[in-house]
PDB file of N, CA and C in Angstrom:
ATOM      1  N   MET A   1       9.072 -12.486   8.479  1.00  0.00           N
ATOM      2  CA  MET A   1       9.801 -11.725   7.474  1.00  0.00           C
ATOM      3  C   MET A   1      10.254 -10.401   8.076  1.00  0.00           C
ATOM      4  N   THR A   2      11.376  -9.912   7.596  1.00  0.00           N
ATOM      5  CA  THR A   2      11.848  -8.598   8.032  1.00  0.00           C
ATOM      6  C   THR A   2      11.090  -7.514   7.260  1.00  0.00           C
ATOM      7  N   ASP A   3      11.151  -6.291   7.772  1.00  0.00           N
ATOM      8  CA  ASP A   3      10.503  -5.182   7.064  1.00  0.00           C
ATOM      9  C   ASP A   3      11.096  -5.008   5.674  1.00  0.00           C
ATOM     10  N   LYS A   4      12.391  -5.217   5.525  1.00  0.00           N
ATOM     11  CA  LYS A   4      13.033  -5.088   4.215  1.00  0.00           C
ATOM     12  C   LYS A   4      12.500  -6.140   3.241  1.00  0.00           C
ATOM     13  N   GLU A   5      12.358  -7.389   3.699  1.00  0.00           N
ATOM     14  CA  GLU A   5      11.818  -8.452   2.845  1.00  0.00           C
ATOM     15  C   GLU A   5      10.371  -8.156   2.465  1.00  0.00           C
ATOM     16  N   ILE A   6       9.618  -7.661   3.431  1.00  0.00           N
ATOM     17  CA  ILE A   6       8.219  -7.304   3.165  1.00  0.00           C
ATOM     18  C   ILE A   6       8.158  -6.169   2.155  1.00  0.00           C
ATOM     19  N   GLN A   7       9.046  -5.183   2.310  1.00  0.00           N
ATOM     20  CA  GLN A   7       9.069  -4.050   1.382  1.00  0.00           C
ATOM     21  C   GLN A   7       9.350  -4.511  -0.043  1.00  0.00           C
ATOM     22  N   GLU A   8      10.228  -5.468  -0.220  1.00  0.00           N
ATOM     23  CA  GLU A   8      10.515  -5.991  -1.560  1.00  0.00           C
ATOM     24  C   GLU A   8       9.263  -6.605  -2.187  1.00  0.00           C
ATOM     25  N   VAL A   9       8.500  -7.363  -1.403  1.00  0.00           N
ATOM     26  CA  VAL A   9       7.252  -7.951  -1.901  1.00  0.00           C
ATOM     27  C   VAL A   9       6.254  -6.849  -2.222  1.00  0.00           C
ATOM     28  N   VAL A  10       6.118  -5.881  -1.319  1.00  0.00           N
ATOM     29  CA  VAL A  10       5.179  -4.769  -1.516  1.00  0.00           C
ATOM     30  C   VAL A  10       5.505  -4.022  -2.808  1.00  0.00           C
ATOM     31  N   PHE A  11       6.772  -3.669  -3.015  1.00  0.00           N
ATOM     32  CA  PHE A  11       7.158  -2.944  -4.219  1.00  0.00           C
ATOM     33  C   PHE A  11       6.829  -3.754  -5.474  1.00  0.00           C
ATOM     34  N   SER A  12       7.136  -5.022  -5.458  1.00  0.00           N
ATOM     35  CA  SER A  12       6.880  -5.878  -6.618  1.00  0.00           C
ATOM     36  C   SER A  12       5.386  -5.949  -6.940  1.00  0.00           C
ATOM     37  N   VAL A  13       4.573  -6.178  -5.927  1.00  0.00           N
ATOM     38  CA  VAL A  13       3.124  -6.313  -6.139  1.00  0.00           C
ATOM     39  C   VAL A  13       2.517  -4.994  -6.597  1.00  0.00           C
ATOM     40  N   LEU A  14       2.813  -3.911  -5.895  1.00  0.00           N
ATOM     41  CA  LEU A  14       2.148  -2.641  -6.198  1.00  0.00           C
ATOM     42  C   LEU A  14       2.605  -2.032  -7.519  1.00  0.00           C
ATOM     43  N   LYS A  15       3.855  -2.231  -7.865  1.00  0.00           N
ATOM     44  CA  LYS A  15       4.341  -1.698  -9.136  1.00  0.00           C
ATOM     45  C   LYS A  15       3.658  -2.383 -10.318  1.00  0.00           C
ATOM     46  N   SER A  16       3.422  -3.683 -10.202  1.00  0.00           N
ATOM     47  CA  SER A  16       2.812  -4.420 -11.314  1.00  0.00           C
ATOM     48  C   SER A  16       1.286  -4.396 -11.264  1.00  0.00           C
ATOM     49  N   ARG A  17       0.699  -4.125 -10.116  1.00  0.00           N
ATOM     50  CA  ARG A  17      -0.765  -4.193  -9.945  1.00  0.00           C
ATOM     51  C   ARG A  17      -1.495  -3.165 -10.793  1.00  0.00           C
ATOM     52  N   VAL A  18      -1.052  -1.920 -10.754  1.00  0.00           N
ATOM     53  CA  VAL A  18      -1.739  -0.828 -11.455  1.00  0.00           C
ATOM     54  C   VAL A  18      -0.691   0.077 -12.099  1.00  0.00           C
ATOM     55  N   PRO A  19      -0.082  -0.376 -13.201  1.00  0.00           N
ATOM     56  CA  PRO A  19       1.000   0.418 -13.795  1.00  0.00           C
ATOM     57  C   PRO A  19       0.575   1.829 -14.212  1.00  0.00           C
ATOM     58  N   GLU A  20      -0.671   1.986 -14.606  1.00  0.00           N
ATOM     59  CA  GLU A  20      -1.127   3.310 -15.047  1.00  0.00           C
ATOM     60  C   GLU A  20      -1.202   4.325 -13.900  1.00  0.00           C
ATOM     61  N   ALA A  21      -1.145   3.869 -12.659  1.00  0.00           N
ATOM     62  CA  ALA A  21      -1.163   4.770 -11.504  1.00  0.00           C
ATOM     63  C   ALA A  21       0.230   5.332 -11.205  1.00  0.00           C
ATOM     64  N   GLU A  22       1.257   4.786 -11.853  1.00  0.00           N
ATOM     65  CA  GLU A  22       2.639   5.216 -11.674  1.00  0.00           C
ATOM     66  C   GLU A  22       3.067   5.139 -10.209  1.00  0.00           C
ATOM     67  N   PHE A  23       3.233   3.913  -9.734  1.00  0.00           N
ATOM     68  CA  PHE A  23       3.697   3.655  -8.376  1.00  0.00           C
ATOM     69  C   PHE A  23       5.003   4.392  -8.130  1.00  0.00           C
ATOM     70  N   GLN A  24       5.064   5.173  -7.055  1.00  0.00           N
ATOM     71  CA  GLN A  24       6.240   5.984  -6.731  1.00  0.00           C
ATOM     72  C   GLN A  24       7.067   5.411  -5.594  1.00  0.00           C
ATOM     73  N   GLY A  25       6.490   4.499  -4.820  1.00  0.00           N
ATOM     74  CA  GLY A  25       7.205   3.921  -3.689  1.00  0.00           C
ATOM     75  C   GLY A  25       6.249   3.660  -2.543  1.00  0.00           C
ATOM     76  N   ALA A  26       6.787   3.135  -1.453  1.00  0.00           N
ATOM     77  CA  ALA A  26       5.959   2.825  -0.295  1.00  0.00           C
ATOM     78  C   ALA A  26       6.793   2.835   0.969  1.00  0.00           C
ATOM     79  N   ASP A  27       6.151   3.188   2.050  1.00  0.00           N
ATOM     80  CA  ASP A  27       6.757   3.063   3.372  1.00  0.00           C
ATOM     81  C   ASP A  27       6.139   1.823   4.010  1.00  0.00           C
ATOM     82  N   VAL A  28       6.988   0.951   4.521  1.00  0.00           N
ATOM     83  CA  VAL A  28       6.539  -0.303   5.119  1.00  0.00           C
ATOM     84  C   VAL A  28       7.127  -0.383   6.517  1.00  0.00           C
ATOM     85  N   ARG A  29       6.277  -0.668   7.506  1.00  0.00           N
ATOM     86  CA  ARG A  29       6.789  -0.824   8.862  1.00  0.00           C
ATOM     87  C   ARG A  29       5.922  -1.768   9.664  1.00  0.00           C
ATOM     88  N   SER A  30       6.556  -2.445  10.572  1.00  0.00           N
ATOM     89  CA  SER A  30       5.832  -3.294  11.514  1.00  0.00           C
ATOM     90  C   SER A  30       5.265  -2.396  12.591  1.00  0.00           C
ATOM     91  N   ASP A  31       4.100  -2.769  13.106  1.00  0.00           N
ATOM     92  CA  ASP A  31       3.431  -1.957  14.112  1.00  0.00           C
ATOM     93  C   ASP A  31       2.578  -2.879  14.981  1.00  0.00           C
ATOM     94  N   ILE A  32       1.929  -2.295  15.960  1.00  0.00           N
ATOM     95  CA  ILE A  32       1.013  -3.017  16.834  1.00  0.00           C
ATOM     96  C   ILE A  32      -0.361  -2.372  16.684  1.00  0.00           C
ATOM     97  N   ASP A  33      -1.412  -3.197  16.497  1.00  0.00           N
ATOM     98  CA  ASP A  33      -2.753  -2.628  16.356  1.00  0.00           C
ATOM     99  C   ASP A  33      -3.370  -2.349  17.724  1.00  0.00           C
ATOM    100  N   PHE A  34      -4.607  -1.880  17.737  1.00  0.00           N
ATOM    101  CA  PHE A  34      -5.287  -1.490  18.967  1.00  0.00           C
ATOM    102  C   PHE A  34      -5.534  -2.661  19.917  1.00  0.00           C
ATOM    103  N   ASP A  35      -5.460  -3.899  19.402  1.00  0.00           N
ATOM    104  CA  ASP A  35      -5.614  -5.096  20.237  1.00  0.00           C
ATOM    105  C   ASP A  35      -4.279  -5.651  20.714  1.00  0.00           C
ATOM    106  N   GLY A  36      -3.193  -4.993  20.348  1.00  0.00           N
ATOM    107  CA  GLY A  36      -1.877  -5.463  20.748  1.00  0.00           C
ATOM    108  C   GLY A  36      -1.280  -6.504  19.811  1.00  0.00           C
ATOM    109  N   GLU A  37      -1.913  -6.721  18.644  1.00  0.00           N
ATOM    110  CA  GLU A  37      -1.419  -7.694  17.663  1.00  0.00           C
ATOM    111  C   GLU A  37      -0.407  -7.040  16.729  1.00  0.00           C
ATOM    112  N   SER A  38       0.572  -7.801  16.309  1.00  0.00           N
ATOM    113  CA  SER A  38       1.569  -7.320  15.359  1.00  0.00           C
ATOM    114  C   SER A  38       0.941  -7.227  13.966  1.00  0.00           C
ATOM    115  N   ILE A  39       1.134  -6.099  13.298  1.00  0.00           N
ATOM    116  CA  ILE A  39       0.579  -5.851  11.964  1.00  0.00           C
ATOM    117  C   ILE A  39       1.663  -5.247  11.070  1.00  0.00           C
ATOM    118  N   ILE A  40       1.320  -5.078   9.813  1.00  0.00           N
ATOM    119  CA  ILE A  40       2.194  -4.406   8.850  1.00  0.00           C
ATOM    120  C   ILE A  40       1.446  -3.186   8.323  1.00  0.00           C
ATOM    121  N   ARG A  41       2.074  -2.028   8.401  1.00  0.00           N
ATOM    122  CA  ARG A  41       1.485  -0.803   7.850  1.00  0.00           C
ATOM    123  C   ARG A  41       2.221  -0.454   6.565  1.00  0.00           C
ATOM    124  N   VAL A  42       1.443  -0.241   5.511  1.00  0.00           N
ATOM    125  CA  VAL A  42       2.003   0.127   4.212  1.00  0.00           C
ATOM    126  C   VAL A  42       1.348   1.429   3.758  1.00  0.00           C
ATOM    127  N   THR A  43       2.165   2.408   3.438  1.00  0.00           N
ATOM    128  CA  THR A  43       1.679   3.641   2.822  1.00  0.00           C
ATOM    129  C   THR A  43       2.254   3.676   1.414  1.00  0.00           C
ATOM    130  N   ALA A  44       1.387   3.450   0.434  1.00  0.00           N
ATOM    131  CA  ALA A  44       1.798   3.402  -0.974  1.00  0.00           C
ATOM    132  C   ALA A  44       1.570   4.762  -1.611  1.00  0.00           C
ATOM    133  N   ARG A  45       2.529   5.190  -2.426  1.00  0.00           N
ATOM    134  CA  ARG A  45       2.438   6.483  -3.099  1.00  0.00           C
ATOM    135  C   ARG A  45       2.328   6.276  -4.612  1.00  0.00           C
ATOM    136  N   TYR A  46       1.347   6.945  -5.196  1.00  0.00           N
ATOM    137  CA  TYR A  46       1.100   6.872  -6.638  1.00  0.00           C
ATOM    138  C   TYR A  46       1.036   8.283  -7.196  1.00  0.00           C
ATOM    139  N   GLU A  47       1.311   8.403  -8.482  1.00  0.00           N
ATOM    140  CA  GLU A  47       1.209   9.700  -9.153  1.00  0.00           C
ATOM    141  C   GLU A  47      -0.257  10.058  -9.413  1.00  0.00           C
ATOM    142  N   ARG A  48      -1.045   9.066  -9.831  1.00  0.00           N
ATOM    143  CA  ARG A  48      -2.459   9.346 -10.153  1.00  0.00           C
ATOM    144  C   ARG A  48      -3.312   8.113  -9.880  1.00  0.00           C
ATOM    145  N   ARG A  49      -4.605   8.338  -9.739  1.00  0.00           N
ATOM    146  CA  ARG A  49      -5.564   7.240  -9.607  1.00  0.00           C
ATOM    147  C   ARG A  49      -5.974   6.837 -11.024  1.00  0.00           C
ATOM    148  N   PRO A  50      -5.963   5.548 -11.332  1.00  0.00           N
ATOM    149  CA  PRO A  50      -6.323   5.132 -12.694  1.00  0.00           C
ATOM    150  C   PRO A  50      -7.766   5.518 -13.029  1.00  0.00           C
ATOM    151  N   ALA A  51      -7.965   6.026 -14.238  1.00  0.00           N
ATOM    152  CA  ALA A  51      -9.278   6.504 -14.651  1.00  0.00           C
ATOM    153  C   ALA A  51     -10.289   5.376 -14.828  1.00  0.00           C
ATOM    154  N   GLU A  52      -9.855   4.264 -15.402  1.00  0.00           N
ATOM    155  CA  GLU A  52     -10.801   3.196 -15.719  1.00  0.00           C
ATOM    156  C   GLU A  52     -11.006   2.198 -14.588  1.00  0.00           C
ATOM    157  N   ARG A  53      -9.963   1.932 -13.821  1.00  0.00           N
ATOM    158  CA  ARG A  53     -10.068   0.946 -12.742  1.00  0.00           C
ATOM    159  C   ARG A  53      -9.796   1.629 -11.407  1.00  0.00           C
ATOM    160  N   ARG A  54     -10.671   2.525 -11.023  1.00  0.00           N
ATOM    161  CA  ARG A  54     -10.463   3.331  -9.823  1.00  0.00           C
ATOM    162  C   ARG A  54     -10.355   2.480  -8.563  1.00  0.00           C
ATOM    163  N   GLU A  55     -11.031   1.348  -8.535  1.00  0.00           N
ATOM    164  CA  GLU A  55     -11.003   0.476  -7.356  1.00  0.00           C
ATOM    165  C   GLU A  55      -9.723  -0.353  -7.273  1.00  0.00           C
ATOM    166  N   ALA A  56      -8.904  -0.317  -8.299  1.00  0.00           N
ATOM    167  CA  ALA A  56      -7.693  -1.151  -8.354  1.00  0.00           C
ATOM    168  C   ALA A  56      -6.726  -0.853  -7.210  1.00  0.00           C
ATOM    169  N   LEU A  57      -6.599   0.397  -6.804  1.00  0.00           N
ATOM    170  CA  LEU A  57      -5.700   0.725  -5.703  1.00  0.00           C
ATOM    171  C   LEU A  57      -6.198   0.137  -4.394  1.00  0.00           C
ATOM    172  N   ILE A  58      -7.488   0.177  -4.194  1.00  0.00           N
ATOM    173  CA  ILE A  58      -8.077  -0.383  -2.972  1.00  0.00           C
ATOM    174  C   ILE A  58      -7.943  -1.901  -2.979  1.00  0.00           C
ATOM    175  N   GLY A  59      -8.195  -2.519  -4.104  1.00  0.00           N
ATOM    176  CA  GLY A  59      -8.119  -3.971  -4.219  1.00  0.00           C
ATOM    177  C   GLY A  59      -6.720  -4.533  -4.114  1.00  0.00           C
ATOM    178  N   ALA A  60      -5.717  -3.683  -4.172  1.00  0.00           N
ATOM    179  CA  ALA A  60      -4.324  -4.139  -4.088  1.00  0.00           C
ATOM    180  C   ALA A  60      -4.036  -4.834  -2.769  1.00  0.00           C
ATOM    181  N   ILE A  61      -4.799  -4.534  -1.744  1.00  0.00           N
ATOM    182  CA  ILE A  61      -4.577  -5.164  -0.440  1.00  0.00           C
ATOM    183  C   ILE A  61      -4.680  -6.680  -0.539  1.00  0.00           C
ATOM    184  N   HIS A  62      -5.588  -7.180  -1.370  1.00  0.00           N
ATOM    185  CA  HIS A  62      -5.761  -8.631  -1.508  1.00  0.00           C
ATOM    186  C   HIS A  62      -4.534  -9.272  -2.157  1.00  0.00           C
ATOM    187  N   ASP A  63      -3.997  -8.618  -3.180  1.00  0.00           N
ATOM    188  CA  ASP A  63      -2.788  -9.128  -3.834  1.00  0.00           C
ATOM    189  C   ASP A  63      -1.595  -9.097  -2.881  1.00  0.00           C
ATOM    190  N   LEU A  64      -1.497  -8.013  -2.105  1.00  0.00           N
ATOM    191  CA  LEU A  64      -0.415  -7.919  -1.132  1.00  0.00           C
ATOM    192  C   LEU A  64      -0.499  -9.042  -0.102  1.00  0.00           C
ATOM    193  N   ARG A  65      -1.678  -9.219   0.428  1.00  0.00           N
ATOM    194  CA  ARG A  65      -1.880 -10.249   1.463  1.00  0.00           C
ATOM    195  C   ARG A  65      -1.559 -11.637   0.903  1.00  0.00           C
ATOM    196  N   ASP A  66      -2.044 -11.939  -0.296  1.00  0.00           N
ATOM    197  CA  ASP A  66      -1.769 -13.247  -0.919  1.00  0.00           C
ATOM    198  C   ASP A  66      -0.268 -13.466  -1.117  1.00  0.00           C
ATOM    199  N   ALA A  67       0.429 -12.439  -1.606  1.00  0.00           N
ATOM    200  CA  ALA A  67       1.865 -12.565  -1.856  1.00  0.00           C
ATOM    201  C   ALA A  67       2.642 -12.750  -0.552  1.00  0.00           C
ATOM    202  N   LEU A  68       2.239 -12.046   0.488  1.00  0.00           N
ATOM    203  CA  LEU A  68       2.924 -12.179   1.774  1.00  0.00           C
ATOM    204  C   LEU A  68       2.651 -13.531   2.422  1.00  0.00           C
ATOM    205  N   ILE A  69       1.429 -14.005   2.345  1.00  0.00           N
ATOM    206  CA  ILE A  69       1.095 -15.328   2.893  1.00  0.00           C
ATOM    207  C   ILE A  69       1.891 -16.407   2.174  1.00  0.00           C
ATOM    208  N   ALA A  70       2.041 -16.261   0.858  1.00  0.00           N
ATOM    209  CA  ALA A  70       2.814 -17.238   0.082  1.00  0.00           C
ATOM    210  C   ALA A  70       4.272 -17.305   0.550  1.00  0.00           C
ATOM    211  N   LYS A  71       4.759 -16.201   1.141  1.00  0.00           N
ATOM    212  CA  LYS A  71       6.131 -16.162   1.651  1.00  0.00           C
ATOM    213  C   LYS A  71       6.194 -16.500   3.145  1.00  0.00           C
ATOM    214  N   GLY A  72       5.041 -16.850   3.726  1.00  0.00           N
ATOM    215  CA  GLY A  72       5.016 -17.244   5.134  1.00  0.00           C
ATOM    216  C   GLY A  72       4.682 -16.130   6.108  1.00  0.00           C
ATOM    217  N   GLU A  73       4.347 -14.954   5.607  1.00  0.00           N
ATOM    218  CA  GLU A  73       4.020 -13.809   6.458  1.00  0.00           C
ATOM    219  C   GLU A  73       2.506 -13.755   6.659  1.00  0.00           C
ATOM    220  N   GLU A  74       2.055 -13.900   7.892  1.00  0.00           N
ATOM    221  CA  GLU A  74       0.616 -13.981   8.154  1.00  0.00           C
ATOM    222  C   GLU A  74       0.042 -12.765   8.863  1.00  0.00           C
ATOM    223  N   ARG A  75       0.863 -11.783   9.164  1.00  0.00           N
ATOM    224  CA  ARG A  75       0.318 -10.593   9.837  1.00  0.00           C
ATOM    225  C   ARG A  75      -0.645  -9.842   8.929  1.00  0.00           C
ATOM    226  N   PHE A  76      -1.613  -9.184   9.534  1.00  0.00           N
ATOM    227  CA  PHE A  76      -2.589  -8.388   8.800  1.00  0.00           C
ATOM    228  C   PHE A  76      -1.901  -7.143   8.245  1.00  0.00           C
ATOM    229  N   VAL A  77      -2.327  -6.714   7.060  1.00  0.00           N
ATOM    230  CA  VAL A  77      -1.741  -5.545   6.399  1.00  0.00           C
ATOM    231  C   VAL A  77      -2.757  -4.399   6.383  1.00  0.00           C
ATOM    232  N   PHE A  78      -2.317  -3.235   6.849  1.00  0.00           N
ATOM    233  CA  PHE A  78      -3.103  -2.010   6.740  1.00  0.00           C
ATOM    234  C   PHE A  78      -2.485  -1.204   5.605  1.00  0.00           C
ATOM    235  N   LEU A  79      -3.253  -0.968   4.549  1.00  0.00           N
ATOM    236  CA  LEU A  79      -2.762  -0.261   3.370  1.00  0.00           C
ATOM    237  C   LEU A  79      -3.400   1.114   3.264  1.00  0.00           C
ATOM    238  N   THR A  80      -2.557   2.134   3.137  1.00  0.00           N
ATOM    239  CA  THR A  80      -3.004   3.497   2.880  1.00  0.00           C
ATOM    240  C   THR A  80      -2.439   3.909   1.534  1.00  0.00           C
ATOM    241  N   ASN A  81      -3.285   4.460   0.662  1.00  0.00           N
ATOM    242  CA  ASN A  81      -2.839   4.924  -0.657  1.00  0.00           C
ATOM    243  C   ASN A  81      -2.814   6.442  -0.679  1.00  0.00           C
ATOM    244  N   GLN A  82      -1.682   6.993  -1.090  1.00  0.00           N
ATOM    245  CA  GLN A  82      -1.553   8.434  -1.281  1.00  0.00           C
ATOM    246  C   GLN A  82      -1.382   8.687  -2.772  1.00  0.00           C
ATOM    247  N   VAL A  83      -2.239   9.550  -3.320  1.00  0.00           N
ATOM    248  CA  VAL A  83      -2.224   9.844  -4.746  1.00  0.00           C
ATOM    249  C   VAL A  83      -1.839  11.312  -4.926  1.00  0.00           C
ATOM    250  N   ALA A  84      -0.678  11.546  -5.545  1.00  0.00           N
ATOM    251  CA  ALA A  84      -0.133  12.900  -5.672  1.00  0.00           C
ATOM    252  C   ALA A  84      -1.099  13.848  -6.360  1.00  0.00           C
ATOM    253  N   SER A  85      -1.770  13.389  -7.400  1.00  0.00           N
ATOM    254  CA  SER A  85      -2.667  14.278  -8.152  1.00  0.00           C
ATOM    255  C   SER A  85      -3.915  14.666  -7.358  1.00  0.00           C
ATOM    256  N   GLU A  86      -4.127  14.037  -6.212  1.00  0.00           N
ATOM    257  CA  GLU A  86      -5.301  14.341  -5.392  1.00  0.00           C
ATOM    258  C   GLU A  86      -4.957  15.122  -4.131  1.00  0.00           C
ATOM    259  N   ARG A  87      -3.687  15.469  -3.976  1.00  0.00           N
ATOM    260  CA  ARG A  87      -3.285  16.224  -2.787  1.00  0.00           C
ATOM    261  C   ARG A  87      -3.871  17.628  -2.854  1.00  0.00           C
ATOM    262  N   GLN A  88      -4.284  18.091  -1.713  1.00  0.00           N
ATOM    263  CA  GLN A  88      -4.830  19.431  -1.618  1.00  0.00           C
ATOM    264  C   GLN A  88      -3.668  20.412  -1.582  1.00  0.00           C
ATOM    265  N   SER A  89      -3.657  21.375  -2.492  1.00  0.00           N
ATOM    266  CA  SER A  89      -2.530  22.296  -2.573  1.00  0.00           C
ATOM    267  C   SER A  89      -2.694  23.511  -1.659  1.00  0.00           C
ATOM    268  N   GLU A  90      -3.913  23.825  -1.301  1.00  0.00           N
ATOM    269  CA  GLU A  90      -4.162  24.965  -0.425  1.00  0.00           C
ATOM    270  C   GLU A  90      -5.087  24.538   0.692  1.00  0.00           C
ATOM    271  N   PRO A  91      -4.928  25.090   1.894  1.00  0.00           N
ATOM    272  CA  PRO A  91      -5.800  24.704   3.008  1.00  0.00           C
ATOM    273  C   PRO A  91      -7.227  25.186   2.787  1.00  0.00           C
ATOM    274  N   ASP A  92      -8.167  24.450   3.370  1.00  0.00           N
ATOM    275  CA  ASP A  92      -9.568  24.856   3.318  1.00  0.00           C
ATOM    276  C   ASP A  92      -9.748  26.148   4.083  1.00  0.00           C
ATOM    277  N   LEU A  93     -10.624  26.992   3.595  1.00  0.00           N
ATOM    278  CA  LEU A  93     -10.975  28.230   4.283  1.00  0.00           C
ATOM    279  C   LEU A  93     -12.363  28.068   4.871  1.00  0.00           C
ATOM    280  N   ASP A  94     -12.462  28.352   6.134  1.00  0.00           N
ATOM    281  CA  ASP A  94     -13.785  28.247   6.792  1.00  0.00           C
ATOM    282  C   ASP A  94     -14.563  29.506   6.658  1.00  0.00           C
TER     283      ASP A  94
END
C-alpha cells in the first residue's frame, strides 16, 4: 500500500475508534526500523484523552493493524499518540 492509502485507513480507524478524544489528524510515513525492516510510523493527534476509556488510544494499534492486514498491508505499525490537552505549556525549571 502507498502511504496515502495507509493514511486513509488510519484516518478512518482512528476517527471512529475514540470519538470523544476528538481526532485531529495523523502523520503517516514509511520508515525502516532498527533491524532494517520496513515499518509504518503513525503519529496521531487528539484534542483530549477520553476520561472513561483512557486505554482506548493505546489499544487503537490493534484496530489499525487489523484494518491494514485486511487490505493486504503486513508491515508493523508504530503508533504515537499526541494529546493537545496534555502538552506542556512551559518548560520544566530545574
